[in-house]
Amino acid sequence: MSDVLANPYAVPVHMAPVSERVPFLRKVALLTAGSLGIVSATAVASAGLILGLAVAGIALPWFLQLIIMLGGLYGAQFVGQRMATSENLGTRIVGFTVGSCMLGVALGFLLLTAVFISAGAFEGTLAPLVLPFQAIALCGLTVAGMVVYLLAGPRNLSMITGAVATLTLPMLALMALIIVFPVGGILGIAISAAFVLVSAGGMLVSLNRVMHHHSVDHPMPAAFTLSVGIVVL
C-alpha cells in the first residue's frame, strides 16, 4: 500500500506559504473534531452495550475486556493509521472512519468505569459525568497549551521522541497488568502520573509532526494521528 507520507516531493507544512498552511490546519482541526465525534458516539454505544449485557447477567471476563481494549488501540494505530495514509482516497476515508470506531470501542470500557467511579465519588444528578468531563477539560487544555508552544516553529523533540518510543510498549504491558492486578495508594498515583507523562509526550511529538512535517495536501492522516494521541492521553 503506497503511503502519502512517504512522498519525497510533498511540501511540509512549515515550508508551505501561509495561504496553504492556514487552510490545512483548519481542515485538520475539523477532521479531528469529526474523528473525535465518531470516537465519542462509538464509546457511548460500546459502554451502553457492556452495561446492557451486565444487566442481563452476561459479564465479560477481564481477559476479554483487555483484548478488546488493547485490540481497539492497536487496530486503530496499526490498521487504521496505515489505511488513513493510503494514496487512495476511498481507503483513507475507510481507515479514518474504522480507526475512529476502533478507538471508541477501546474507550467504552474506560468510559463506563469512569462513570461508575464518578457516581460513587460525587453527589447530584450529574455526578456520573463529573470525572469524564474533568478528563475532557484537562486533556483539551493540555493540547491547547501544546499547540501554543509549537506555533513558534519546529521544535527539537528528539529526546522526547526517543523516550516515548522506548516506554510505549512497557507502559502498555503495565496497563494490562494493572487491569488484572489493580494497584492503589502512592504507587498507583505514581504509575498513573507516568502514564500521563508518556501520553503527553506522545501527543506533543504528534502535534509537532503534524504542524511542521506533514504535507499540506493530506490533512486526513494528520487529523487521525492527532485523534489517536488525544484518545490515548
Protein backbone atom coordinates (compact mmCIF):
# COMPACT_ATOMS: atom_id res chain seq x y z
CA MET A 1 0.00 0.00 0.00
CA SER A 2 1.50 3.32 -1.04
CA ASP A 3 1.91 5.88 1.73
CA VAL A 4 1.21 9.57 1.12
CA LEU A 5 3.62 10.45 3.93
CA ALA A 6 6.47 8.78 2.03
CA ASN A 7 6.20 11.17 -0.93
CA PRO A 8 9.60 12.91 -1.20
CA TYR A 9 8.10 15.75 -3.28
CA ALA A 10 5.42 16.72 -0.74
CA VAL A 11 5.68 20.19 0.78
CA PRO A 12 5.94 20.07 4.60
CA VAL A 13 3.56 22.33 6.49
CA HIS A 14 6.29 24.55 7.94
CA MET A 15 7.68 25.24 4.43
CA ALA A 16 4.31 25.99 2.82
CA PRO A 17 3.10 29.57 2.40
CA VAL A 18 0.60 30.91 4.91
CA SER A 19 -2.15 30.79 2.26
CA GLU A 20 -1.76 26.98 2.21
CA ARG A 21 -0.78 26.39 5.82
CA VAL A 22 -3.83 28.02 7.42
CA PRO A 23 -6.43 26.09 5.35
CA PHE A 24 -4.50 22.87 6.09
CA LEU A 25 -4.59 23.44 9.85
CA ARG A 26 -8.28 24.39 9.63
CA LYS A 27 -9.07 21.14 7.79
CA VAL A 28 -7.03 19.15 10.31
CA ALA A 29 -8.97 20.74 13.18
CA LEU A 30 -12.35 19.96 11.55
CA LEU A 31 -11.38 16.38 10.66
CA THR A 32 -10.01 15.80 14.15
CA ALA A 33 -13.29 17.05 15.62
CA GLY A 34 -15.16 14.70 13.28
CA SER A 35 -12.98 11.76 14.29
CA LEU A 36 -13.46 12.52 17.99
CA GLY A 37 -17.21 12.73 17.36
CA ILE A 38 -17.13 9.20 15.91
CA VAL A 39 -14.98 8.08 18.84
CA SER A 40 -17.44 9.55 21.36
CA ALA A 41 -20.51 8.04 19.73
CA THR A 42 -18.86 4.61 19.48
CA ALA A 43 -17.59 4.80 23.07
CA VAL A 44 -21.07 5.62 24.41
CA ALA A 45 -22.60 2.82 22.33
CA SER A 46 -19.90 0.40 23.48
CA ALA A 47 -20.37 1.36 27.13
CA GLY A 48 -24.15 1.00 26.77
CA LEU A 49 -23.76 -2.47 25.26
CA ILE A 50 -21.44 -3.59 28.07
CA LEU A 51 -23.87 -2.25 30.67
CA GLY A 52 -26.81 -3.90 28.94
CA LEU A 53 -25.02 -7.26 28.93
CA ALA A 54 -24.17 -6.86 32.62
CA VAL A 55 -27.81 -6.10 33.48
CA ALA A 56 -28.82 -9.19 31.53
CA GLY A 57 -26.41 -11.24 33.63
CA ILE A 58 -23.73 -11.56 30.96
CA ALA A 59 -20.48 -10.17 32.35
CA LEU A 60 -17.48 -10.06 30.04
CA PRO A 61 -14.41 -11.72 31.63
CA TRP A 62 -11.48 -9.43 32.36
CA PHE A 63 -9.21 -11.01 29.74
CA LEU A 64 -11.83 -10.43 27.01
CA GLN A 65 -12.17 -6.78 28.09
CA LEU A 66 -8.39 -6.45 27.93
CA ILE A 67 -8.26 -8.00 24.45
CA ILE A 68 -10.98 -5.66 23.18
CA MET A 69 -9.36 -2.53 24.68
CA LEU A 70 -5.83 -3.23 23.52
CA GLY A 71 -7.11 -4.63 20.22
CA GLY A 72 -9.00 -1.39 19.59
CA LEU A 73 -5.96 0.76 20.33
CA TYR A 74 -3.56 -1.39 18.32
CA GLY A 75 -6.05 -1.76 15.49
CA ALA A 76 -6.53 2.00 15.28
CA GLN A 77 -2.81 2.71 15.34
CA PHE A 78 -1.56 0.00 13.01
CA VAL A 79 -4.53 -0.79 10.75
CA GLY A 80 -6.48 2.48 10.76
CA GLN A 81 -3.33 4.61 10.63
CA ARG A 82 -1.93 2.69 7.68
CA MET A 83 -5.19 2.89 5.74
CA ALA A 84 -5.55 6.60 6.58
CA THR A 85 -2.22 7.32 4.89
CA SER A 86 -3.04 5.44 1.66
CA GLU A 87 -2.81 7.27 -1.66
CA ASN A 88 -6.33 6.04 -2.45
CA LEU A 89 -8.95 8.48 -1.14
CA GLY A 90 -11.54 5.75 -0.52
CA THR A 91 -9.07 3.72 1.53
CA ARG A 92 -8.15 6.83 3.52
CA ILE A 93 -11.80 7.52 4.35
CA VAL A 94 -12.44 3.90 5.37
CA GLY A 95 -9.28 3.81 7.50
CA PHE A 96 -10.16 7.15 9.11
CA THR A 97 -13.70 6.02 9.95
CA VAL A 98 -12.96 2.45 11.00
CA GLY A 99 -9.93 3.54 13.01
CA SER A 100 -12.02 6.13 14.86
CA CYS A 101 -14.62 3.45 15.65
CA MET A 102 -11.87 1.18 16.99
CA LEU A 103 -10.70 3.95 19.30
CA GLY A 104 -14.27 4.37 20.54
CA VAL A 105 -14.65 0.66 21.28
CA ALA A 106 -11.40 0.72 23.27
CA LEU A 107 -12.59 3.79 25.16
CA GLY A 108 -16.02 2.32 26.00
CA PHE A 109 -14.74 0.21 28.90
CA LEU A 110 -12.83 3.12 30.44
CA LEU A 111 -15.79 5.46 29.98
CA LEU A 112 -18.10 3.06 31.84
CA THR A 113 -15.55 2.66 34.65
CA ALA A 114 -15.15 6.44 34.95
CA VAL A 115 -18.93 6.92 35.09
CA PHE A 116 -19.31 4.42 37.95
CA ILE A 117 -16.34 5.82 39.90
CA SER A 118 -17.66 9.36 39.40
CA ALA A 119 -21.16 8.38 40.55
CA GLY A 120 -19.71 6.98 43.77
CA ALA A 121 -17.36 9.89 44.43
CA PHE A 122 -19.70 12.83 43.77
CA GLU A 123 -23.29 13.80 44.56
CA GLY A 124 -26.03 15.21 42.37
CA THR A 125 -27.78 14.39 39.12
CA LEU A 126 -24.66 14.93 37.02
CA ALA A 127 -22.34 13.03 39.39
CA PRO A 128 -21.64 10.22 36.87
CA LEU A 129 -20.36 12.77 34.34
CA VAL A 130 -18.03 14.77 36.60
CA LEU A 131 -14.88 12.67 36.06
CA PRO A 132 -15.38 12.21 32.29
CA PHE A 133 -15.91 15.96 31.83
CA GLN A 134 -12.89 16.75 34.01
CA ALA A 135 -10.77 14.42 31.89
CA ILE A 136 -12.01 16.04 28.68
CA ALA A 137 -11.36 19.54 30.01
CA LEU A 138 -7.85 18.74 31.25
CA CYS A 139 -6.97 16.97 28.00
CA GLY A 140 -8.30 19.91 25.96
CA LEU A 141 -6.27 22.44 27.98
CA THR A 142 -3.15 20.29 27.64
CA VAL A 143 -3.49 20.02 23.86
CA ALA A 144 -4.20 23.77 23.57
CA GLY A 145 -1.05 24.54 25.57
CA MET A 146 1.00 22.27 23.31
CA VAL A 147 -0.37 23.99 20.20
CA VAL A 148 0.61 27.40 21.58
CA TYR A 149 4.08 26.09 22.40
CA LEU A 150 4.59 24.67 18.90
CA LEU A 151 3.22 27.65 16.97
CA ALA A 152 6.60 29.40 17.28
CA GLY A 153 8.15 26.83 14.93
CA PRO A 154 9.50 23.26 14.73
CA ARG A 155 10.96 22.00 17.99
CA ASN A 156 13.81 19.58 18.59
CA LEU A 157 11.94 16.81 20.37
CA SER A 158 14.42 14.02 19.68
CA MET A 159 14.83 13.17 23.37
CA ILE A 160 11.08 13.09 23.96
CA THR A 161 10.54 11.06 20.78
CA GLY A 162 13.12 8.50 21.89
CA ALA A 163 11.67 8.27 25.38
CA VAL A 164 8.13 7.79 24.09
CA ALA A 165 9.24 5.12 21.60
CA THR A 166 11.14 3.29 24.36
CA LEU A 167 8.42 3.46 27.02
CA THR A 168 5.24 2.90 24.98
CA LEU A 169 5.29 -0.91 24.87
CA PRO A 170 6.36 -1.34 28.54
CA MET A 171 3.60 1.06 29.60
CA LEU A 172 1.00 -0.87 27.61
CA ALA A 173 2.18 -4.09 29.26
CA LEU A 174 1.99 -2.40 32.66
CA MET A 175 -1.54 -1.21 31.87
CA ALA A 176 -2.55 -4.81 31.14
CA LEU A 177 -1.08 -5.95 34.47
CA ILE A 178 -2.87 -3.19 36.37
CA ILE A 179 -6.21 -4.26 34.91
CA VAL A 180 -5.55 -7.80 36.18
CA PHE A 181 -3.90 -6.75 39.46
CA PRO A 182 -5.21 -3.29 40.47
CA VAL A 183 -2.73 -1.04 42.27
CA GLY A 184 -3.76 1.73 44.64
CA GLY A 185 -2.14 4.17 47.04
CA ILE A 186 1.02 6.12 46.29
CA LEU A 187 2.28 3.51 43.82
CA GLY A 188 -0.97 3.71 41.86
CA ILE A 189 -0.71 7.51 41.71
CA ALA A 190 2.93 7.28 40.55
CA ILE A 191 2.02 4.79 37.80
CA SER A 192 -0.88 6.99 36.69
CA ALA A 193 1.44 10.01 36.57
CA ALA A 194 3.88 8.02 34.42
CA PHE A 195 1.05 7.11 32.03
CA VAL A 196 0.08 10.76 31.73
CA LEU A 197 3.66 11.90 31.07
CA VAL A 198 4.29 9.27 28.39
CA SER A 199 0.92 10.01 26.73
CA ALA A 200 1.53 13.76 26.86
CA GLY A 201 4.99 13.28 25.34
CA GLY A 202 3.48 11.23 22.51
CA MET A 203 0.83 13.90 21.94
CA LEU A 204 3.49 16.64 21.80
CA VAL A 205 5.55 14.68 19.27
CA SER A 206 2.44 14.01 17.13
CA LEU A 207 1.41 17.67 17.18
CA ASN A 208 4.90 18.82 16.24
CA ARG A 209 5.00 16.33 13.36
CA VAL A 210 1.58 17.40 12.08
CA MET A 211 2.18 21.14 12.36
CA HIS A 212 5.66 21.17 10.85
CA HIS A 213 6.36 17.99 8.88
CA HIS A 214 3.15 16.65 7.33
CA SER A 215 2.22 17.55 3.77
CA VAL A 216 -0.38 20.29 3.29
CA ASP A 217 -2.01 18.09 0.64
CA HIS A 218 -3.18 15.41 3.05
CA PRO A 219 -4.94 16.67 6.21
CA MET A 220 -6.74 13.35 6.89
CA PRO A 221 -3.67 11.35 8.04
CA ALA A 222 -2.65 14.29 10.22
CA ALA A 223 -6.10 14.50 11.80
CA PHE A 224 -6.20 10.78 12.52
CA THR A 225 -2.76 10.92 14.11
CA LEU A 226 -3.99 13.66 16.44
CA SER A 227 -7.17 11.73 17.26
CA VAL A 228 -5.16 8.69 18.34
CA GLY A 229 -2.92 10.87 20.50
CA ILE A 230 -5.85 12.65 22.14
CA VAL A 231 -7.71 9.41 22.93
CA VAL A 232 -4.58 7.83 24.43
CA LEU A 233 -3.97 10.97 26.53
